[in-house]
Amino acid sequence: MIATLQSTFCVDSSRIYATGKSNGAGFVNLLACTPSIASKIAAFATVSAAFYTGTFNGDRPTQRALPILDFHGTADTVVSYNGGQSHGGTQVSIDNFRQGWASRNDCQNKSTISHLSAETDPQQLVEIQTWNTNCKTGGIVIGYKITAGQHSWPRTTLPAKCNGNVGTNDCTTTVFDATSSFIIPFFNTYTL
């Protein structure tokens, strides 16, 4: 698909990125775990990701360290933050997913913990876990643990499909917009 897009459109091949939600985020992880594809993608971002043990192989080597950004809510009932059984498969916990990428990137074993500003997140519901010490060049893992966050893309406004009604999963909001505040700036930091 990357080759087709490059041959059809004016594409900066040093700035190709992968992001997805739920099973799409699991697919993004599969791309990152496939060296022949990961070598064409500058950075990866996952949201409410489903990492099934049958497709999540933590031992696949990559030629370089990878920038990984992840968002997941602790109240996600579709893909549990703690992993377990779902949709006929076993899912990896989000903490294990993040630690696995930190290990692959040769980062120190322990993450540093920070939070969004008190102005943005007065209740400190978002914990930011960062592995960026002693990593291979270019390697970093950043995880946003959203307390009470559901199976949704973190954003401050509801999508049109919710018709203004707050509900569950996609029809919820949080204190930050993942796309404009974090994913795009993260991607803009990395090139091949």
C-alpha atoms as a PDB file:
ATOM      1  CA  MET A   1       0.000   0.000   0.000  1.00  0.00           C
ATOM      2  CA  ILE A   2       2.836   2.405   0.823  1.00  0.00           C
ATOM      3  CA  ALA A   3       4.414   1.801  -2.594  1.00  0.00           C
ATOM      4  CA  THR A   4       1.079   2.439  -4.338  1.00  0.00           C
ATOM      5  CA  LEU A   5       0.536   5.698  -2.471  1.00  0.00           C
ATOM      6  CA  GLN A   6       4.092   6.813  -3.234  1.00  0.00           C
ATOM      7  CA  SER A   7       3.705   6.070  -6.937  1.00  0.00           C
ATOM      8  CA  THR A   8       0.305   7.799  -7.136  1.00  0.00           C
ATOM      9  CA  PHE A   9       0.736  10.881  -4.947  1.00  0.00           C
ATOM     10  CA  CYS A  10       3.472  13.301  -4.007  1.00  0.00           C
ATOM     11  CA  VAL A  11       4.562  11.633  -0.769  1.00  0.00           C
ATOM     12  CA  ASP A  12       7.499  12.558   1.444  1.00  0.00           C
ATOM     13  CA  SER A  13       8.788   9.043   2.114  1.00  0.00           C
ATOM     14  CA  SER A  14      10.667  10.267   5.189  1.00  0.00           C
ATOM     15  CA  ARG A  15       7.373  11.314   6.810  1.00  0.00           C
ATOM     16  CA  ILE A  16       5.106   8.275   6.665  1.00  0.00           C
ATOM     17  CA  TYR A  17       3.306   7.533   9.942  1.00  0.00           C
ATOM     18  CA  ALA A  18       0.874   4.925  11.241  1.00  0.00           C
ATOM     19  CA  THR A  19      -1.993   5.457  13.662  1.00  0.00           C
ATOM     20  CA  GLY A  20      -5.199   3.619  14.479  1.00  0.00           C
ATOM     21  CA  LYS A  21      -7.826   2.848  17.106  1.00  0.00           C
ATOM     22  CA  SER A  22      -8.898  -0.484  18.612  1.00  0.00           C
ATOM     23  CA  ASN A  23      -8.202  -3.298  16.121  1.00  0.00           C
ATOM     24  CA  GLY A  24      -6.723  -0.645  13.817  1.00  0.00           C
ATOM     25  CA  ALA A  25      -4.241   0.185  16.565  1.00  0.00           C
ATOM     26  CA  GLY A  26      -3.442  -3.507  16.912  1.00  0.00           C
ATOM     27  CA  PHE A  27      -2.715  -3.459  13.178  1.00  0.00           C
ATOM     28  CA  VAL A  28      -0.408  -0.460  13.676  1.00  0.00           C
ATOM     29  CA  ASN A  29       1.498  -2.535  16.236  1.00  0.00           C
ATOM     30  CA  LEU A  30       1.717  -5.407  13.742  1.00  0.00           C
ATOM     31  CA  LEU A  31       3.227  -2.970  11.214  1.00  0.00           C
ATOM     32  CA  ALA A  32       5.769  -1.874  13.832  1.00  0.00           C
ATOM     33  CA  CYS A  33       6.606  -5.523  14.538  1.00  0.00           C
ATOM     34  CA  THR A  34       7.242  -6.262  10.856  1.00  0.00           C
ATOM     35  CA  PRO A  35      10.774  -5.015  10.046  1.00  0.00           C
ATOM     36  CA  SER A  36      10.226  -4.714   6.283  1.00  0.00           C
ATOM     37  CA  ILE A  37       7.278  -2.374   6.896  1.00  0.00           C
ATOM     38  CA  ALA A  38       8.514  -0.640  10.060  1.00  0.00           C
ATOM     39  CA  SER A  39      11.561   0.503   8.102  1.00  0.00           C
ATOM     40  CA  LYS A  40       9.235   2.653   5.948  1.00  0.00           C
ATOM     41  CA  ILE A  41       7.325   4.287   8.828  1.00  0.00           C
ATOM     42  CA  ALA A  42       8.830   7.104  10.898  1.00  0.00           C
ATOM     43  CA  ALA A  43       6.612   6.822  14.019  1.00  0.00           C
ATOM     44  CA  PHE A  44       3.590   4.958  15.380  1.00  0.00           C
ATOM     45  CA  ALA A  45       0.579   6.020  17.500  1.00  0.00           C
ATOM     46  CA  THR A  46      -2.111   3.746  18.942  1.00  0.00           C
ATOM     47  CA  VAL A  47      -5.442   4.545  20.643  1.00  0.00           C
ATOM     48  CA  SER A  48      -7.527   2.084  22.702  1.00  0.00           C
ATOM     49  CA  ALA A  49      -5.487  -0.654  21.074  1.00  0.00           C
ATOM     50  CA  ALA A  50      -6.385  -4.336  20.975  1.00  0.00           C
ATOM     51  CA  PHE A  51      -3.192  -6.358  21.245  1.00  0.00           C
ATOM     52  CA  TYR A  52      -4.062 -10.049  20.905  1.00  0.00           C
ATOM     53  CA  THR A  53      -1.383 -12.508  21.960  1.00  0.00           C
ATOM     54  CA  GLY A  54      -1.653 -14.358  18.642  1.00  0.00           C
ATOM     55  CA  THR A  55      -0.646 -11.222  16.721  1.00  0.00           C
ATOM     56  CA  PHE A  56       1.472  -9.473  19.336  1.00  0.00           C
ATOM     57  CA  ASN A  57       4.877 -11.078  19.062  1.00  0.00           C
ATOM     58  CA  GLY A  58       7.195  -9.137  21.310  1.00  0.00           C
ATOM     59  CA  ASP A  59      10.325 -10.843  20.005  1.00  0.00           C
ATOM     60  CA  ARG A  60      10.307  -9.663  16.407  1.00  0.00           C
ATOM     61  CA  PRO A  61      13.457  -7.605  15.938  1.00  0.00           C
ATOM     62  CA  THR A  62      13.516  -4.275  14.167  1.00  0.00           C
ATOM     63  CA  GLN A  63      16.575  -2.687  12.610  1.00  0.00           C
ATOM     64  CA  ARG A  64      16.099   0.549  14.525  1.00  0.00           C
ATOM     65  CA  ALA A  65      14.440   1.842  17.650  1.00  0.00           C
ATOM     66  CA  LEU A  66      10.880   3.020  17.064  1.00  0.00           C
ATOM     67  CA  PRO A  67       8.987   6.038  18.389  1.00  0.00           C
ATOM     68  CA  ILE A  68       5.776   4.672  19.952  1.00  0.00           C
ATOM     69  CA  LEU A  69       2.899   6.800  21.311  1.00  0.00           C
ATOM     70  CA  ASP A  70      -0.082   5.136  23.012  1.00  0.00           C
ATOM     71  CA  PHE A  71      -3.369   6.293  24.582  1.00  0.00           C
ATOM     72  CA  HIS A  72      -5.646   4.040  26.623  1.00  0.00           C
ATOM     73  CA  GLY A  73      -8.416   4.551  29.177  1.00  0.00           C
ATOM     74  CA  THR A  74      -8.659   2.561  32.396  1.00  0.00           C
ATOM     75  CA  ALA A  75     -12.459   2.203  32.019  1.00  0.00           C
ATOM     76  CA  ASP A  76     -12.271   0.743  28.500  1.00  0.00           C
ATOM     77  CA  THR A  77     -14.724  -2.183  28.524  1.00  0.00           C
ATOM     78  CA  VAL A  78     -14.039  -3.166  24.901  1.00  0.00           C
ATOM     79  CA  VAL A  79     -10.262  -3.556  25.306  1.00  0.00           C
ATOM     80  CA  SER A  80      -9.387  -3.739  28.991  1.00  0.00           C
ATOM     81  CA  TYR A  81      -6.373  -1.724  30.131  1.00  0.00           C
ATOM     82  CA  ASN A  82      -5.332  -4.766  32.155  1.00  0.00           C
ATOM     83  CA  GLY A  83      -5.650  -7.210  29.269  1.00  0.00           C
ATOM     84  CA  GLY A  84      -7.489 -10.524  29.495  1.00  0.00           C
ATOM     85  CA  GLN A  85     -10.039 -12.324  27.355  1.00  0.00           C
ATOM     86  CA  SER A  86     -11.987 -10.380  24.753  1.00  0.00           C
ATOM     87  CA  HIS A  87     -13.562 -11.164  21.394  1.00  0.00           C
ATOM     88  CA  GLY A  88     -12.390 -14.777  21.512  1.00  0.00           C
ATOM     89  CA  GLY A  89      -8.736 -13.981  22.176  1.00  0.00           C
ATOM     90  CA  THR A  90      -6.282 -13.120  24.896  1.00  0.00           C
ATOM     91  CA  GLN A  91      -5.191  -9.500  25.000  1.00  0.00           C
ATOM     92  CA  VAL A  92      -1.916  -8.160  26.356  1.00  0.00           C
ATOM     93  CA  SER A  93      -2.177  -5.560  29.128  1.00  0.00           C
ATOM     94  CA  ILE A  94      -1.356  -2.015  28.086  1.00  0.00           C
ATOM     95  CA  ASP A  95       1.450  -1.786  30.646  1.00  0.00           C
ATOM     96  CA  ASN A  96       3.024  -4.956  29.177  1.00  0.00           C
ATOM     97  CA  PHE A  97       2.650  -3.569  25.647  1.00  0.00           C
ATOM     98  CA  ARG A  98       4.430  -0.349  26.591  1.00  0.00           C
ATOM     99  CA  GLN A  99       7.140  -2.111  28.572  1.00  0.00           C
ATOM    100  CA  GLY A 100       7.686  -4.494  25.648  1.00  0.00           C
ATOM    101  CA  TRP A 101       8.400  -1.613  23.288  1.00  0.00           C
ATOM    102  CA  ALA A 102      10.635   0.063  25.872  1.00  0.00           C
ATOM    103  CA  SER A 103      12.636  -3.174  26.086  1.00  0.00           C
ATOM    104  CA  ARG A 104      12.837  -3.501  22.291  1.00  0.00           C
ATOM    105  CA  ASN A 105      14.119   0.067  22.147  1.00  0.00           C
ATOM    106  CA  ASP A 106      16.707  -0.771  24.843  1.00  0.00           C
ATOM    107  CA  CYS A 107      15.267   1.924  27.116  1.00  0.00           C
ATOM    108  CA  GLN A 108      15.746   1.770  30.868  1.00  0.00           C
ATOM    109  CA  ASN A 109      13.278  -0.597  32.536  1.00  0.00           C
ATOM    110  CA  LYS A 110      11.356   2.020  34.478  1.00  0.00           C
ATOM    111  CA  SER A 111       9.308   4.836  33.005  1.00  0.00           C
ATOM    112  CA  THR A 112       9.212   8.374  34.285  1.00  0.00           C
ATOM    113  CA  ILE A 113       5.754   9.513  35.342  1.00  0.00           C
ATOM    114  CA  SER A 114       4.331  12.960  34.704  1.00  0.00           C
ATOM    115  CA  HIS A 115       0.913  14.547  34.265  1.00  0.00           C
ATOM    116  CA  LEU A 116      -0.745  17.122  32.082  1.00  0.00           C
ATOM    117  CA  SER A 117      -0.692  20.658  33.437  1.00  0.00           C
ATOM    118  CA  ALA A 118      -3.066  21.406  36.316  1.00  0.00           C
ATOM    119  CA  GLU A 119      -4.733  23.949  34.045  1.00  0.00           C
ATOM    120  CA  THR A 120      -5.518  21.280  31.425  1.00  0.00           C
ATOM    121  CA  ASP A 121      -6.210  18.415  33.836  1.00  0.00           C
ATOM    122  CA  PRO A 122      -7.092  19.820  37.292  1.00  0.00           C
ATOM    123  CA  GLN A 123      -8.000  16.361  38.649  1.00  0.00           C
ATOM    124  CA  GLN A 124      -4.775  14.800  37.311  1.00  0.00           C
ATOM    125  CA  LEU A 125      -6.699  12.017  35.545  1.00  0.00           C
ATOM    126  CA  VAL A 126      -4.056  11.551  32.858  1.00  0.00           C
ATOM    127  CA  GLU A 127      -0.776   9.864  33.770  1.00  0.00           C
ATOM    128  CA  ILE A 128       2.002  10.111  31.195  1.00  0.00           C
ATOM    129  CA  GLN A 129       4.493   7.228  31.216  1.00  0.00           C
ATOM    130  CA  THR A 130       7.688   7.942  29.291  1.00  0.00           C
ATOM    131  CA  TRP A 131      10.575   5.635  28.462  1.00  0.00           C
ATOM    132  CA  ASN A 132      13.318   7.739  26.863  1.00  0.00           C
ATOM    133  CA  THR A 133      16.449   7.126  28.933  1.00  0.00           C
ATOM    134  CA  ASN A 134      19.350   5.121  27.502  1.00  0.00           C
ATOM    135  CA  CYS A 135      17.252   4.048  24.507  1.00  0.00           C
ATOM    136  CA  LYS A 136      18.704   3.205  21.116  1.00  0.00           C
ATOM    137  CA  THR A 137      18.891   6.345  18.970  1.00  0.00           C
ATOM    138  CA  GLY A 138      15.386   7.480  18.047  1.00  0.00           C
ATOM    139  CA  GLY A 139      13.682   5.171  20.523  1.00  0.00           C
ATOM    140  CA  ILE A 140      10.974   6.453  22.819  1.00  0.00           C
ATOM    141  CA  VAL A 141       7.731   5.089  24.251  1.00  0.00           C
ATOM    142  CA  ILE A 142       5.106   7.468  25.617  1.00  0.00           C
ATOM    143  CA  GLY A 143       1.883   6.157  27.126  1.00  0.00           C
ATOM    144  CA  TYR A 144      -1.118   8.197  28.227  1.00  0.00           C
ATOM    145  CA  LYS A 145      -3.058   6.345  30.943  1.00  0.00           C
ATOM    146  CA  ILE A 146      -6.460   8.040  31.098  1.00  0.00           C
ATOM    147  CA  THR A 147      -8.224   7.371  34.402  1.00  0.00           C
ATOM    148  CA  ALA A 148     -11.899   6.573  33.732  1.00  0.00           C
ATOM    149  CA  GLY A 149     -11.249   6.879  29.981  1.00  0.00           C
ATOM    150  CA  GLN A 150     -13.405   4.664  27.776  1.00  0.00           C
ATOM    151  CA  HIS A 151     -12.946   3.037  24.362  1.00  0.00           C
ATOM    152  CA  SER A 152     -12.665   6.373  22.602  1.00  0.00           C
ATOM    153  CA  TRP A 153     -10.300   8.631  20.754  1.00  0.00           C
ATOM    154  CA  PRO A 154      -9.260  11.285  23.311  1.00  0.00           C
ATOM    155  CA  ARG A 155     -10.830  14.602  22.307  1.00  0.00           C
ATOM    156  CA  THR A 156     -12.468  17.620  23.885  1.00  0.00           C
ATOM    157  CA  THR A 157     -15.545  17.743  21.619  1.00  0.00           C
ATOM    158  CA  LEU A 158     -18.043  15.092  20.582  1.00  0.00           C
ATOM    159  CA  PRO A 159     -18.023  13.773  17.005  1.00  0.00           C
ATOM    160  CA  ALA A 160     -21.043  14.613  14.825  1.00  0.00           C
ATOM    161  CA  LYS A 161     -22.375  11.042  15.001  1.00  0.00           C
ATOM    162  CA  CYS A 162     -23.173  11.588  18.714  1.00  0.00           C
ATOM    163  CA  ASN A 163     -25.633  14.412  17.874  1.00  0.00           C
ATOM    164  CA  GLY A 164     -24.446  16.325  20.945  1.00  0.00           C
ATOM    165  CA  ASN A 165     -25.349  13.477  23.305  1.00  0.00           C
ATOM    166  CA  VAL A 166     -22.711  12.254  25.734  1.00  0.00           C
ATOM    167  CA  GLY A 167     -22.797   8.481  26.058  1.00  0.00           C
ATOM    168  CA  THR A 168     -20.192   5.782  26.111  1.00  0.00           C
ATOM    169  CA  ASN A 169     -17.122   4.950  24.074  1.00  0.00           C
ATOM    170  CA  ASP A 170     -16.962   7.227  21.015  1.00  0.00           C
ATOM    171  CA  CYS A 171     -19.506   9.643  22.519  1.00  0.00           C
ATOM    172  CA  THR A 172     -17.294  10.738  25.405  1.00  0.00           C
ATOM    173  CA  THR A 173     -14.770  13.515  25.820  1.00  0.00           C
ATOM    174  CA  THR A 174     -11.616  13.986  27.835  1.00  0.00           C
ATOM    175  CA  VAL A 175      -9.480  16.951  28.904  1.00  0.00           C
ATOM    176  CA  PHE A 176      -7.246  16.936  25.815  1.00  0.00           C
ATOM    177  CA  ASP A 177      -7.352  16.384  22.081  1.00  0.00           C
ATOM    178  CA  ALA A 178      -4.946  13.552  21.263  1.00  0.00           C
ATOM    179  CA  THR A 179      -4.674  14.372  17.561  1.00  0.00           C
ATOM    180  CA  SER A 180      -3.803  18.062  17.551  1.00  0.00           C
ATOM    181  CA  SER A 181      -2.115  18.260  20.953  1.00  0.00           C
ATOM    182  CA  PHE A 182      -0.010  15.101  20.916  1.00  0.00           C
ATOM    183  CA  ILE A 183      -0.132  12.797  17.865  1.00  0.00           C
ATOM    184  CA  ILE A 184       0.636  15.366  15.149  1.00  0.00           C
ATOM    185  CA  PRO A 185       3.412  17.077  17.162  1.00  0.00           C
ATOM    186  CA  PHE A 186       4.852  13.624  17.993  1.00  0.00           C
ATOM    187  CA  PHE A 187       4.831  12.623  14.327  1.00  0.00           C
ATOM    188  CA  ASN A 188       6.369  15.960  13.307  1.00  0.00           C
ATOM    189  CA  THR A 189       9.343  15.187  15.553  1.00  0.00           C
ATOM    190  CA  TYR A 190      10.336  12.034  13.642  1.00  0.00           C
ATOM    191  CA  THR A 191      11.532  11.413  10.096  1.00  0.00           C
ATOM    192  CA  LEU A 192      13.367   8.545   8.442  1.00  0.00           C
END
